[in-house]
Amino acid sequence: MVDLFDEIVSFDNLYSAYLKARKGKRFLDYVLVFEQNLEQELLNLQRDLKSDAYVHGCYREMIVNDSKKRLIKVAPFRDRIVHHALCNIIEPLLDKKFVYDSYACRKNKGTHKAVNRLQSFLRKKDNAFCLQCDISKYFMSIDHKVLFGLCCKHISDERVLLLISRIISSSKDFVFVDENGVERKKGIPIGNLTSQLFANLYLNLLDQFVKHKLRIKFYLRYMDDFLFLSSSKVLLNFIKKKIVCFLKDKLFLVLNPTKANLFPVKKGVSFLGFVVFPYYKLLRKSTVKRFIKRTKKQIFSVKEGFVSEGDLRASLVSWRAYAKDANSFMLRKSLIVKLGLDKKLFNVLLE
């Protein structure tokens, strides 16, 4: 019987991981260099992993500004192959441990299913109030020791755990001293594929507490954005106090004070770029503003010859697919005028 580590470092799995790591990046220089001697590179990587000689490389840092500024850390391509190889094998095992209503970075889940699930909750007549919470600086606050302990609960293969430990400790930017004067390492890179899985595993402890200890029915989570629905403000305030204590004591996390709100649902729930009502959804104003700003830059780049019209069309088609999940036909029609799209692009937002 092949053990977990052998599955991870098998040549077939490393090749599969390489294909995933290069997706959308096939013609970048570092990928082309790796491909020049692909078989030998993968064999060398396999040898290093098997002989315990594998050392994680240094990250390249970049600032991404979407809804807010984020520090993204990009691992070397070789290490990204290792991340994919690890996730290929352990993700299905860990995913079985997750609650149904966790939606981020999971197969057959995602933003639209999370929003639709919220909408089904809102259709329950008694759910008049919502408690919506967000973790302050979540990825930067994940405690290495706690995270590794959670991995140990679900994985027994020591060689796999050693590999996981090396990936967790590959980024050592954040250190904090707890109440007892103990130094704790914190933070996982937002850019890592493994970080998405680890972040879900970390807050799975909260999910289990909510579902099995507090026994809350109307609860869902998308990464560190989670909410509760109820007919009782008193109950939701009680839940909030319990959550604050649990996060502090068990996970060394705190709620974002500006995003932990209790409110009536009749005005809609702002969630994952939508304002959600029981029987319809609208796009959030900030989402539309970002789209307008980004598209105007793209239109200018097309006129200056920096970006092709095909790239602009692809961007519009992608956004249309997202926007069509809301009641947005009249909005999309108005945006055509606001953006000054020509006849060739006129119908892209309306199809």
Protein backbone atom coordinates (compact mmCIF):
# COMPACT_ATOMS: atom_id res chain seq x y z
CA MET A 1 0.00 0.00 0.00
CA VAL A 2 1.41 3.40 -1.05
CA ASP A 3 1.62 5.83 1.87
CA LEU A 4 0.69 9.49 1.76
CA PHE A 5 4.21 10.85 1.30
CA ASP A 6 4.97 8.44 -1.54
CA GLU A 7 1.78 9.59 -3.30
CA ILE A 8 2.87 13.21 -2.97
CA VAL A 9 6.37 12.64 -4.37
CA SER A 10 5.39 10.20 -7.10
CA PHE A 11 6.53 11.35 -10.55
CA ASP A 12 2.95 11.31 -11.89
CA ASN A 13 1.77 13.59 -9.08
CA LEU A 14 4.72 15.96 -9.50
CA TYR A 15 4.03 16.16 -13.24
CA SER A 16 0.35 16.88 -12.54
CA ALA A 17 1.41 19.55 -10.05
CA TYR A 18 3.75 21.08 -12.64
CA LEU A 19 0.88 21.35 -15.15
CA LYS A 20 -1.27 23.11 -12.56
CA ALA A 21 1.54 25.44 -11.48
CA ARG A 22 2.22 26.58 -15.06
CA LYS A 23 -1.47 27.18 -15.90
CA GLY A 24 -1.83 30.70 -17.31
CA LYS A 25 1.95 31.21 -17.08
CA ARG A 26 3.23 28.85 -19.74
CA PHE A 27 5.21 31.43 -21.71
CA LEU A 28 6.83 33.22 -18.79
CA ASP A 29 10.61 33.04 -18.74
CA TYR A 30 10.99 31.03 -15.53
CA VAL A 31 8.50 28.41 -16.75
CA LEU A 32 10.24 28.11 -20.12
CA VAL A 33 13.60 27.66 -18.37
CA PHE A 34 12.16 24.92 -16.16
CA GLU A 35 10.61 23.20 -19.20
CA GLN A 36 13.90 23.05 -21.09
CA ASN A 37 14.92 20.07 -18.99
CA LEU A 38 11.53 19.18 -17.52
CA GLU A 39 11.98 15.50 -16.77
CA GLN A 40 15.32 16.01 -15.04
CA GLU A 41 14.00 19.00 -13.05
CA LEU A 42 11.10 16.91 -11.74
CA LEU A 43 13.39 13.98 -10.97
CA ASN A 44 15.74 16.31 -9.08
CA LEU A 45 12.79 17.70 -7.13
CA GLN A 46 11.58 14.17 -6.38
CA ARG A 47 15.06 13.19 -5.19
CA ASP A 48 15.31 16.22 -2.88
CA LEU A 49 11.91 15.52 -1.37
CA LYS A 50 12.61 11.83 -0.83
CA SER A 51 16.07 12.38 0.64
CA ASP A 52 14.88 15.17 2.97
CA ALA A 53 17.15 17.65 1.16
CA TYR A 54 14.30 19.89 -0.03
CA VAL A 55 14.61 23.52 1.09
CA HIS A 56 11.89 26.06 0.35
CA GLY A 57 13.06 29.04 -1.70
CA CYS A 58 12.71 32.77 -1.00
CA TYR A 59 9.53 34.66 -1.85
CA ARG A 60 9.14 37.54 -4.26
CA GLU A 61 6.88 40.25 -2.86
CA MET A 62 4.36 42.43 -4.70
CA ILE A 63 1.51 44.75 -3.75
CA VAL A 64 -1.90 44.01 -5.29
CA ASN A 65 -4.63 46.62 -5.06
CA ASP A 66 -8.10 45.17 -5.71
CA SER A 67 -10.63 46.05 -3.03
CA LYS A 68 -7.72 46.94 -0.74
CA LYS A 69 -3.93 46.82 -0.79
CA ARG A 70 -2.53 43.36 -0.10
CA LEU A 71 1.02 42.10 0.20
CA ILE A 72 1.29 39.03 -2.03
CA LYS A 73 4.23 36.69 -1.68
CA VAL A 74 5.11 34.63 -4.73
CA ALA A 75 7.10 31.46 -4.19
CA PRO A 76 9.65 30.23 -6.78
CA PHE A 77 8.10 28.06 -9.50
CA ARG A 78 9.77 24.91 -8.17
CA ASP A 79 8.17 25.44 -4.76
CA ARG A 80 4.77 26.10 -6.31
CA ILE A 81 5.00 22.64 -7.87
CA VAL A 82 5.56 21.23 -4.39
CA HIS A 83 2.55 23.18 -3.07
CA HIS A 84 0.33 21.72 -5.80
CA ALA A 85 1.74 18.22 -5.26
CA LEU A 86 0.95 18.43 -1.55
CA CYS A 87 -2.56 19.84 -2.07
CA ASN A 88 -3.35 17.25 -4.75
CA ILE A 89 -3.12 14.54 -2.09
CA ILE A 90 -4.07 16.10 1.24
CA GLU A 91 -6.84 18.47 0.13
CA PRO A 92 -9.41 15.69 -0.50
CA LEU A 93 -8.61 14.24 2.94
CA LEU A 94 -8.97 17.56 4.76
CA ASP A 95 -12.00 18.67 2.79
CA LYS A 96 -13.98 15.76 4.23
CA LYS A 97 -13.51 17.31 7.68
CA PHE A 98 -14.99 20.68 6.69
CA VAL A 99 -18.59 21.68 7.38
CA TYR A 100 -21.03 21.99 4.49
CA ASP A 101 -21.37 25.77 4.78
CA SER A 102 -17.71 26.65 4.26
CA TYR A 103 -17.40 27.92 0.68
CA ALA A 104 -13.98 29.39 -0.05
CA CYS A 105 -11.41 27.58 -2.24
CA ARG A 106 -13.30 24.26 -2.29
CA LYS A 107 -14.44 22.13 -5.19
CA ASN A 108 -18.12 22.57 -6.08
CA LYS A 109 -18.40 25.57 -3.74
CA GLY A 110 -17.34 29.17 -4.46
CA THR A 111 -18.84 32.67 -4.26
CA HIS A 112 -22.05 32.07 -6.21
CA LYS A 113 -23.00 29.02 -4.15
CA ALA A 114 -22.26 30.92 -0.94
CA VAL A 115 -24.45 33.84 -2.05
CA ASN A 116 -27.24 31.49 -3.12
CA ARG A 117 -27.05 29.70 0.23
CA LEU A 118 -27.31 33.04 2.04
CA GLN A 119 -30.34 33.89 -0.08
CA SER A 120 -32.01 30.63 0.91
CA PHE A 121 -31.36 31.51 4.58
CA LEU A 122 -32.92 34.95 4.08
CA ARG A 123 -36.10 33.36 2.77
CA LYS A 124 -36.72 31.87 6.20
CA LYS A 125 -39.28 34.24 7.72
CA ASP A 126 -37.79 34.23 11.21
CA ASN A 127 -34.31 35.30 10.10
CA ALA A 128 -34.78 39.02 10.67
CA PHE A 129 -31.26 39.83 11.89
CA CYS A 130 -27.73 39.14 10.72
CA LEU A 131 -24.45 39.08 12.62
CA GLN A 132 -21.64 39.47 10.10
CA CYS A 133 -18.00 39.12 11.14
CA ASP A 134 -14.54 39.38 9.64
CA ILE A 135 -11.15 38.45 11.10
CA SER A 136 -8.66 41.28 11.51
CA LYS A 137 -5.60 40.70 9.26
CA TYR A 138 -6.47 37.03 9.01
CA PHE A 139 -3.60 35.52 6.97
CA MET A 140 -1.03 37.58 8.90
CA SER A 141 -2.51 36.36 12.21
CA ILE A 142 -2.51 32.60 11.68
CA ASP A 143 -0.40 31.04 14.42
CA HIS A 144 2.16 28.53 13.11
CA LYS A 145 2.04 26.27 16.17
CA VAL A 146 -1.76 26.08 16.21
CA LEU A 147 -1.91 25.48 12.46
CA PHE A 148 0.65 22.69 12.59
CA GLY A 149 -1.21 21.13 15.53
CA LEU A 150 -4.39 21.07 13.44
CA CYS A 151 -2.50 19.38 10.60
CA CYS A 152 -1.24 16.75 13.03
CA LYS A 153 -4.81 15.95 14.08
CA HIS A 154 -5.71 14.88 10.56
CA ILE A 155 -2.42 13.62 9.10
CA SER A 156 -0.23 10.99 10.73
CA ASP A 157 2.51 10.53 8.10
CA GLU A 158 5.60 12.13 9.68
CA ARG A 159 7.29 12.87 6.36
CA VAL A 160 4.20 14.73 5.13
CA LEU A 161 4.06 16.67 8.40
CA LEU A 162 7.73 17.61 8.02
CA LEU A 163 7.02 18.94 4.52
CA ILE A 164 4.01 20.87 5.80
CA SER A 165 6.11 22.32 8.63
CA ARG A 166 8.71 23.56 6.14
CA ILE A 167 6.06 25.25 4.01
CA ILE A 168 4.39 26.87 7.04
CA SER A 169 7.72 28.19 8.34
CA SER A 170 8.92 29.33 4.90
CA SER A 171 7.56 32.82 5.66
CA LYS A 172 8.68 34.16 9.06
CA ASP A 173 7.75 37.82 8.95
CA PHE A 174 5.42 38.08 11.91
CA VAL A 175 6.34 37.31 15.49
CA PHE A 176 4.26 38.17 18.52
CA VAL A 177 4.69 37.66 22.26
CA ASP A 178 1.64 36.29 24.06
CA GLU A 179 0.41 37.14 27.57
CA ASN A 180 2.80 34.60 29.08
CA GLY A 181 5.82 36.10 27.34
CA VAL A 182 6.03 33.25 24.82
CA GLU A 183 7.20 34.20 21.34
CA ARG A 184 4.87 32.88 18.63
CA LYS A 185 5.43 32.86 14.86
CA LYS A 186 2.48 34.03 12.82
CA GLY A 187 1.41 34.58 9.24
CA ILE A 188 1.14 32.58 6.03
CA PRO A 189 1.67 34.02 2.52
CA ILE A 190 -1.54 35.04 0.75
CA GLY A 191 -0.07 33.97 -2.60
CA ASN A 192 0.49 30.29 -1.72
CA LEU A 193 -1.95 27.62 -2.86
CA THR A 194 -1.25 25.84 0.43
CA SER A 195 -2.26 28.97 2.34
CA GLN A 196 -5.82 28.72 1.04
CA LEU A 197 -6.10 25.16 2.32
CA PHE A 198 -4.39 25.95 5.63
CA ALA A 199 -6.60 29.01 6.16
CA ASN A 200 -9.71 26.86 5.69
CA LEU A 201 -8.35 24.23 8.06
CA TYR A 202 -7.56 26.89 10.68
CA LEU A 203 -11.09 28.31 10.79
CA ASN A 204 -12.62 24.85 10.52
CA LEU A 205 -12.07 24.78 14.29
CA LEU A 206 -14.44 27.76 14.52
CA ASP A 207 -16.93 26.03 12.18
CA GLN A 208 -16.97 22.95 14.37
CA PHE A 209 -17.47 25.08 17.49
CA VAL A 210 -20.37 26.94 15.89
CA LYS A 211 -22.11 23.85 14.54
CA HIS A 212 -21.50 21.33 17.33
CA LYS A 213 -21.10 23.40 20.51
CA LEU A 214 -23.28 26.43 19.83
CA ARG A 215 -25.52 24.41 17.48
CA ILE A 216 -26.20 27.33 15.14
CA LYS A 217 -28.17 26.34 12.06
CA PHE A 218 -28.02 29.50 9.92
CA TYR A 219 -24.27 30.05 9.62
CA LEU A 220 -21.94 30.22 6.64
CA ARG A 221 -18.34 31.17 6.03
CA TYR A 222 -16.30 32.28 3.04
CA MET A 223 -12.67 32.26 4.22
CA ASP A 224 -12.58 34.78 7.11
CA ASP A 225 -15.93 36.42 6.26
CA PHE A 226 -18.71 34.64 8.15
CA LEU A 227 -22.25 35.38 9.25
CA PHE A 228 -25.15 34.18 11.39
CA LEU A 229 -28.89 34.70 10.89
CA SER A 230 -31.55 34.61 13.58
CA SER A 231 -34.86 36.08 14.73
CA SER A 232 -33.22 37.16 18.00
CA LYS A 233 -30.78 40.03 18.48
CA VAL A 234 -30.16 38.75 22.01
CA LEU A 235 -29.04 35.37 20.66
CA LEU A 236 -26.76 36.98 18.07
CA ASN A 237 -25.12 39.18 20.71
CA PHE A 238 -24.58 36.08 22.83
CA ILE A 239 -23.02 34.30 19.83
CA LYS A 240 -20.72 37.26 19.20
CA LYS A 241 -19.38 37.16 22.77
CA LYS A 242 -18.77 33.41 22.51
CA ILE A 243 -17.01 33.81 19.15
CA VAL A 244 -14.76 36.60 20.42
CA CYS A 245 -13.61 34.43 23.35
CA PHE A 246 -13.17 31.30 21.23
CA LEU A 247 -11.09 33.07 18.59
CA LYS A 248 -8.86 34.67 21.21
CA ASP A 249 -8.36 31.57 23.36
CA LYS A 250 -8.08 28.86 20.71
CA LEU A 251 -6.84 30.55 17.53
CA PHE A 252 -5.16 33.80 18.69
CA LEU A 253 -7.43 35.79 16.38
CA VAL A 254 -9.52 38.92 16.85
CA LEU A 255 -12.57 40.20 15.02
CA ASN A 256 -12.21 43.26 12.84
CA PRO A 257 -14.02 45.86 14.98
CA THR A 258 -15.38 47.74 11.95
CA LYS A 259 -16.70 44.57 10.29
CA ALA A 260 -18.39 42.78 13.18
CA ASN A 261 -21.91 44.12 12.81
CA LEU A 262 -25.42 43.13 13.86
CA PHE A 263 -28.19 44.56 11.68
CA PRO A 264 -31.71 43.90 10.32
CA VAL A 265 -31.67 42.01 7.01
CA LYS A 266 -34.51 43.98 5.38
CA LYS A 267 -32.01 46.37 3.75
CA GLY A 268 -30.00 43.48 2.34
CA VAL A 269 -26.80 41.72 3.35
CA SER A 270 -23.58 42.88 1.70
CA PHE A 271 -21.63 39.71 0.99
CA LEU A 272 -18.95 38.73 -1.56
CA GLY A 273 -19.56 41.70 -3.85
CA PHE A 274 -23.37 41.45 -3.79
CA VAL A 275 -26.14 42.99 -1.74
CA VAL A 276 -28.35 39.97 -1.09
CA PHE A 277 -32.12 40.01 -0.57
CA PRO A 278 -34.46 37.00 -0.25
CA TYR A 279 -35.51 37.00 -3.91
CA TYR A 280 -32.98 39.14 -5.76
CA LYS A 281 -29.37 40.29 -5.65
CA LEU A 282 -27.72 43.58 -6.54
CA LEU A 283 -24.08 44.36 -7.22
CA ARG A 284 -22.37 46.29 -4.46
CA LYS A 285 -21.63 49.91 -5.40
CA SER A 286 -17.94 49.55 -4.56
CA THR A 287 -17.73 46.52 -6.89
CA VAL A 288 -19.23 48.53 -9.77
CA LYS A 289 -16.93 51.49 -9.09
CA ARG A 290 -13.84 49.25 -9.22
CA PHE A 291 -15.07 47.73 -12.51
CA ILE A 292 -15.59 51.20 -14.06
CA LYS A 293 -12.16 52.40 -12.91
CA ARG A 294 -10.39 49.27 -14.17
CA THR A 295 -12.23 49.22 -17.51
CA LYS A 296 -11.51 52.89 -18.23
CA LYS A 297 -7.80 52.14 -17.76
CA GLN A 298 -8.10 49.16 -20.12
CA ILE A 299 -9.89 51.24 -22.77
CA PHE A 300 -7.13 53.85 -22.56
CA SER A 301 -4.50 51.10 -22.88
CA VAL A 302 -6.25 49.73 -25.99
CA LYS A 303 -6.23 53.20 -27.59
CA GLU A 304 -2.53 53.58 -26.79
CA GLY A 305 -1.74 50.12 -28.16
CA PHE A 306 -0.58 48.60 -24.87
CA VAL A 307 -3.49 46.13 -24.63
CA SER A 308 -5.36 44.36 -27.43
CA GLU A 309 -9.09 44.76 -27.97
CA GLY A 310 -9.35 40.99 -27.51
CA ASP A 311 -7.99 41.33 -23.96
CA LEU A 312 -10.54 44.05 -23.22
CA ARG A 313 -13.34 41.90 -24.63
CA ALA A 314 -12.23 38.93 -22.51
CA SER A 315 -12.24 41.13 -19.41
CA LEU A 316 -15.75 42.40 -20.19
CA VAL A 317 -17.04 38.88 -20.83
CA SER A 318 -15.58 37.71 -17.51
CA TRP A 319 -17.19 40.56 -15.58
CA ARG A 320 -20.51 40.07 -17.39
CA ALA A 321 -20.58 36.42 -16.27
CA TYR A 322 -20.10 37.61 -12.70
CA ALA A 323 -22.62 40.47 -12.94
CA LYS A 324 -25.34 38.33 -14.54
CA ASP A 325 -25.67 36.42 -11.28
CA ALA A 326 -27.27 39.60 -9.90
CA ASN A 327 -30.28 41.56 -11.17
CA SER A 328 -28.04 43.80 -13.23
CA PHE A 329 -29.40 44.16 -16.79
CA MET A 330 -30.28 47.87 -16.48
CA LEU A 331 -27.00 48.54 -14.68
CA ARG A 332 -24.98 46.86 -17.43
CA LYS A 333 -26.93 48.84 -20.04
CA SER A 334 -26.10 52.12 -18.30
CA LEU A 335 -22.42 51.16 -18.04
CA ILE A 336 -22.17 50.83 -21.82
CA VAL A 337 -22.97 54.55 -22.12
CA LYS A 338 -20.82 55.54 -19.13
CA LEU A 339 -17.81 53.69 -20.52
CA GLY A 340 -18.37 54.84 -24.09
CA LEU A 341 -18.06 51.34 -25.58
CA ASP A 342 -18.15 51.19 -29.38
CA LYS A 343 -20.56 49.05 -31.40
CA LYS A 344 -18.22 46.05 -31.50
CA LEU A 345 -18.20 45.89 -27.71
CA PHE A 346 -21.74 47.19 -27.15
CA ASN A 347 -23.37 43.78 -26.79
CA VAL A 348 -20.61 42.15 -24.74
CA LEU A 349 -22.11 43.36 -21.47
CA LEU A 350 -25.69 42.52 -22.46
CA GLU A 351 -25.48 39.03 -23.97
